[in-house]
Amino acid sequence: MVDVSLILCARSWQESVDRFLPELLAVVESLEARVELICIEDAACPSAPKALAALEATWPGVRLVSIDPPLGVRASVEAAITASLGETICVLDASGRFAADCLPRLLSRLVRLDAVFGRRERGIVTRVLHSIIAAVRRLATGIDVRDPACLCWAARREAVVGLAGQGGGCRQWPLQIAAAGYRIGQIRVEERLEIAAVDTHLPAVGPTHVATPACTLHEHFAPQLRKAA
């Protein structure tokens, strides 16, 4: 049985394996949970198989889901959710944009909630602008999520398995989960701006593509599980 499926998205897997994965795996090892890693590869990142093969030697539980042709962030994540085995789904930008210690904080909030989204710290001007946008969204939908495009979130499986095929970009995830009657919340996460400035593969607003039967999924590595001692 898998407790947590951790789905990772990255612009350059070689950079992620070298820069962020050691930090992330140290946090994963500390969790009292059985965790599987699912890394999304699409045709836009041809170096992924080689980089992730090196990761697999260190972490035998990694699974690589290939998306060809590339369908965008949302459709790729939805395909990975379909392939996942965990009761809890966590989606994280693997570029190192967010510190790995956000993972246990996300999971701890699921004791009382069905989905938890990261909320990036902003400058004063941006914060005021986002507060205005959030207020309008709250009036229109009754939902208070101030950074719906943040690629740092966790949810119970039952809250997200029905998202595939609904359409919309990444910003629609919290709205659609809440509309289905699930409880959502948010935590503050610090964004490493020096990484965010150069990591442009994961857009703030995801494309509106939806996974179709033309999307081919390949599991290159047999899933194995680790549990913290």
Protein backbone atom coordinates (compact mmCIF):
# COMPACT_ATOMS: atom_id res chain seq x y z
CA MET A 1 0.00 0.00 0.00
CA VAL A 2 1.20 3.52 -0.84
CA ASP A 3 0.40 6.35 1.55
CA VAL A 4 1.64 9.32 -0.49
CA SER A 5 2.17 9.74 -4.23
CA LEU A 6 4.58 12.64 -4.72
CA ILE A 7 4.29 13.97 -8.28
CA LEU A 8 7.24 16.08 -9.43
CA CYS A 9 7.38 18.50 -12.37
CA ALA A 10 10.58 20.13 -13.62
CA ARG A 11 11.93 22.17 -16.52
CA SER A 12 15.31 20.43 -16.48
CA TRP A 13 15.55 17.10 -14.72
CA GLN A 14 19.35 17.15 -14.75
CA GLU A 15 19.35 20.41 -12.77
CA SER A 16 16.63 19.12 -10.45
CA VAL A 17 18.46 15.86 -9.70
CA ASP A 18 21.66 17.77 -8.94
CA ARG A 19 20.18 20.73 -7.09
CA PHE A 20 16.89 19.83 -5.38
CA LEU A 21 16.32 16.08 -5.22
CA PRO A 22 18.88 15.41 -2.43
CA GLU A 23 17.09 17.99 -0.27
CA LEU A 24 13.69 16.52 -1.11
CA LEU A 25 14.69 12.88 -0.56
CA ALA A 26 16.06 13.72 2.89
CA VAL A 27 12.63 15.11 3.82
CA VAL A 28 10.82 12.12 2.28
CA GLU A 29 13.00 9.72 4.29
CA SER A 30 11.92 11.47 7.50
CA LEU A 31 8.20 10.96 6.85
CA GLU A 32 6.31 8.24 8.68
CA ALA A 33 4.65 7.24 5.42
CA ARG A 34 5.16 5.01 2.41
CA VAL A 35 6.00 7.35 -0.46
CA GLU A 36 6.24 6.80 -4.20
CA LEU A 37 7.91 9.38 -6.43
CA ILE A 38 6.36 10.00 -9.83
CA CYS A 39 8.45 12.18 -12.14
CA ILE A 40 6.77 13.69 -15.18
CA GLU A 41 8.72 13.55 -18.42
CA ASP A 42 7.43 15.16 -21.59
CA ALA A 43 8.92 15.60 -25.04
CA ALA A 44 10.11 19.08 -24.08
CA CYS A 45 12.70 17.58 -21.70
CA PRO A 46 14.76 15.01 -23.68
CA SER A 47 17.38 14.68 -20.93
CA ALA A 48 14.87 13.32 -18.42
CA PRO A 49 15.43 9.55 -18.93
CA LYS A 50 19.19 9.77 -18.33
CA ALA A 51 18.88 12.08 -15.33
CA LEU A 52 16.09 10.05 -13.75
CA ALA A 53 17.92 6.77 -14.34
CA ALA A 54 20.66 8.16 -12.09
CA LEU A 55 18.00 9.09 -9.53
CA GLU A 56 16.54 5.59 -9.69
CA ALA A 57 19.88 4.14 -8.61
CA THR A 58 19.59 6.15 -5.38
CA TRP A 59 15.83 5.90 -4.89
CA PRO A 60 14.44 2.62 -6.31
CA GLY A 61 10.85 3.74 -5.80
CA VAL A 62 10.92 6.39 -8.53
CA ARG A 63 8.47 6.05 -11.43
CA LEU A 64 8.76 7.96 -14.69
CA VAL A 65 5.58 8.86 -16.54
CA SER A 66 6.25 9.89 -20.13
CA ILE A 67 3.91 12.30 -21.91
CA ASP A 68 4.29 12.40 -25.68
CA PRO A 69 3.26 14.68 -27.26
CA PRO A 70 3.56 17.24 -24.43
CA LEU A 71 0.14 18.33 -23.20
CA GLY A 72 0.99 21.04 -20.68
CA VAL A 73 1.33 21.07 -16.90
CA ARG A 74 -2.26 20.35 -15.93
CA ALA A 75 -2.84 17.45 -18.31
CA SER A 76 0.54 15.93 -17.38
CA VAL A 77 -0.23 16.10 -13.66
CA GLU A 78 -3.68 14.59 -14.22
CA ALA A 79 -2.08 11.71 -16.16
CA ALA A 80 0.35 11.15 -13.28
CA ILE A 81 -2.53 11.16 -10.78
CA THR A 82 -4.23 8.45 -12.83
CA ALA A 83 -1.03 6.36 -12.73
CA SER A 84 -0.47 6.94 -8.99
CA LEU A 85 -1.21 4.50 -6.18
CA GLY A 86 -1.26 6.72 -3.09
CA GLU A 87 -4.18 7.64 -0.87
CA THR A 88 -2.73 11.16 -0.72
CA ILE A 89 -1.54 13.09 -3.78
CA CYS A 90 1.13 15.78 -3.50
CA VAL A 91 2.25 17.89 -6.47
CA LEU A 92 5.50 19.82 -6.27
CA ASP A 93 7.67 21.92 -8.57
CA ALA A 94 10.94 19.95 -8.53
CA SER A 95 13.11 22.83 -9.70
CA GLY A 96 13.82 23.82 -6.09
CA ARG A 97 11.53 26.85 -6.32
CA PHE A 98 10.01 25.84 -2.97
CA ALA A 99 11.90 24.40 0.01
CA ALA A 100 11.33 20.68 0.53
CA ASP A 101 10.14 21.24 4.10
CA CYS A 102 6.82 22.43 2.69
CA LEU A 103 5.93 18.76 2.11
CA PRO A 104 5.34 17.71 5.75
CA ARG A 105 3.49 20.98 6.38
CA LEU A 106 1.13 20.28 3.49
CA LEU A 107 0.51 16.72 4.65
CA SER A 108 -0.11 17.75 8.26
CA ARG A 109 -2.95 20.06 7.22
CA LEU A 110 -4.79 17.16 5.55
CA VAL A 111 -5.78 15.92 9.00
CA ARG A 112 -8.63 18.45 8.89
CA LEU A 113 -8.81 19.37 5.19
CA ASP A 114 -9.22 17.59 1.87
CA ALA A 115 -6.79 19.75 -0.12
CA VAL A 116 -4.10 22.28 0.83
CA PHE A 117 -2.49 24.76 -1.57
CA GLY A 118 0.71 26.73 -1.16
CA ARG A 119 0.54 30.51 -1.08
CA ARG A 120 3.73 32.24 -2.20
CA GLU A 121 5.12 35.19 -0.26
CA ARG A 122 4.96 38.33 -2.40
CA GLY A 123 6.21 41.89 -2.42
CA ILE A 124 3.91 44.61 -1.11
CA VAL A 125 2.57 45.73 -4.50
CA THR A 126 2.01 42.19 -5.75
CA ARG A 127 0.46 41.20 -2.42
CA VAL A 128 -2.05 44.05 -2.60
CA LEU A 129 -2.94 43.16 -6.18
CA HIS A 130 -3.43 39.49 -5.33
CA SER A 131 -5.53 40.43 -2.30
CA ILE A 132 -7.87 42.40 -4.57
CA ILE A 133 -8.09 39.51 -7.05
CA ALA A 134 -8.69 37.06 -4.19
CA ALA A 135 -11.46 39.28 -2.77
CA VAL A 136 -13.23 39.34 -6.15
CA ARG A 137 -12.82 35.56 -6.46
CA ARG A 138 -14.16 35.06 -2.94
CA LEU A 139 -17.24 37.17 -3.71
CA ALA A 140 -17.86 35.29 -6.95
CA THR A 141 -17.17 31.76 -5.74
CA GLY A 142 -17.04 31.83 -1.94
CA ILE A 143 -13.54 30.30 -2.12
CA ASP A 144 -10.55 31.94 -0.43
CA VAL A 145 -7.40 30.65 -2.18
CA ARG A 146 -5.01 33.48 -2.91
CA ASP A 147 -2.46 31.70 -5.10
CA PRO A 148 -4.31 28.99 -7.05
CA ALA A 149 -1.52 28.60 -9.63
CA CYS A 150 1.11 27.67 -7.03
CA LEU A 151 2.54 24.27 -8.00
CA CYS A 152 2.89 23.16 -4.40
CA TRP A 153 -0.17 21.36 -3.04
CA ALA A 154 -1.52 18.16 -1.52
CA ALA A 155 -4.94 16.55 -1.49
CA ARG A 156 -6.77 13.40 -0.54
CA ARG A 157 -7.07 11.10 -3.52
CA GLU A 158 -10.85 11.22 -3.65
CA ALA A 159 -10.72 15.03 -3.99
CA VAL A 160 -8.67 15.00 -7.20
CA VAL A 161 -9.38 11.79 -9.11
CA GLY A 162 -12.41 13.39 -10.76
CA LEU A 163 -10.54 16.44 -12.10
CA ALA A 164 -9.36 14.87 -15.34
CA GLY A 165 -11.41 15.99 -18.29
CA GLN A 166 -12.91 19.08 -16.60
CA GLY A 167 -10.63 21.42 -18.51
CA GLY A 168 -9.24 24.75 -17.38
CA GLY A 169 -5.69 25.65 -16.41
CA CYS A 170 -3.81 25.07 -13.17
CA ARG A 171 -5.67 27.95 -11.51
CA GLN A 172 -8.92 25.98 -11.71
CA TRP A 173 -7.80 23.12 -9.45
CA PRO A 174 -8.85 24.65 -6.10
CA LEU A 175 -12.09 26.03 -7.56
CA GLN A 176 -13.08 22.66 -8.98
CA ILE A 177 -12.13 20.75 -5.83
CA ALA A 178 -14.15 23.14 -3.65
CA ALA A 179 -17.07 23.07 -6.08
CA ALA A 180 -17.21 19.29 -5.57
CA GLY A 181 -17.81 19.87 -1.85
CA TYR A 182 -14.30 19.23 -0.48
CA ARG A 183 -12.64 21.36 2.21
CA ILE A 184 -9.62 23.35 1.02
CA GLY A 185 -7.03 25.49 2.76
CA GLN A 186 -3.64 27.08 2.20
CA ILE A 187 -0.22 27.49 3.79
CA ARG A 188 2.42 30.11 3.19
CA VAL A 189 5.47 28.95 1.24
CA GLU A 190 8.62 30.89 0.48
CA GLU A 191 9.53 31.07 -3.20
CA ARG A 192 13.21 31.05 -4.11
CA LEU A 193 13.13 33.92 -6.58
CA GLU A 194 16.58 33.25 -8.03
CA ILE A 195 15.26 29.90 -9.26
CA ALA A 196 11.80 31.14 -10.24
CA ALA A 197 13.38 33.80 -12.46
CA VAL A 198 15.03 31.22 -14.72
CA ASP A 199 12.58 28.32 -14.46
CA THR A 200 10.09 29.24 -17.17
CA HIS A 201 8.83 25.78 -18.18
CA LEU A 202 6.14 25.76 -15.49
CA PRO A 203 3.90 28.76 -16.30
CA ALA A 204 1.93 30.64 -13.67
CA VAL A 205 -1.20 29.96 -15.69
CA GLY A 206 -1.32 26.45 -17.08
CA PRO A 207 -2.59 25.62 -20.56
CA THR A 208 -6.12 24.41 -21.04
CA HIS A 209 -5.18 21.09 -22.66
CA VAL A 210 -6.89 17.99 -21.31
CA ALA A 211 -5.38 14.51 -21.35
CA THR A 212 -6.75 12.38 -24.17
CA PRO A 213 -6.25 8.75 -25.27
CA ALA A 214 -3.46 10.04 -27.52
CA CYS A 215 -1.39 10.63 -24.40
CA THR A 216 1.01 7.71 -23.98
CA LEU A 217 2.08 6.71 -20.47
CA HIS A 218 5.20 4.62 -19.88
CA GLU A 219 6.42 3.45 -16.49
CA HIS A 220 10.14 3.01 -17.05
CA PHE A 221 10.88 1.90 -13.51
CA ALA A 222 8.98 -0.74 -11.56
CA PRO A 223 7.51 0.92 -8.47
CA GLN A 224 9.14 -0.01 -5.18
CA LEU A 225 8.32 1.48 -1.82
CA ARG A 226 10.39 2.81 1.01
CA LYS A 227 9.24 3.64 4.50
CA ALA A 228 11.16 5.69 7.00
CA ALA A 229 12.66 3.50 9.70
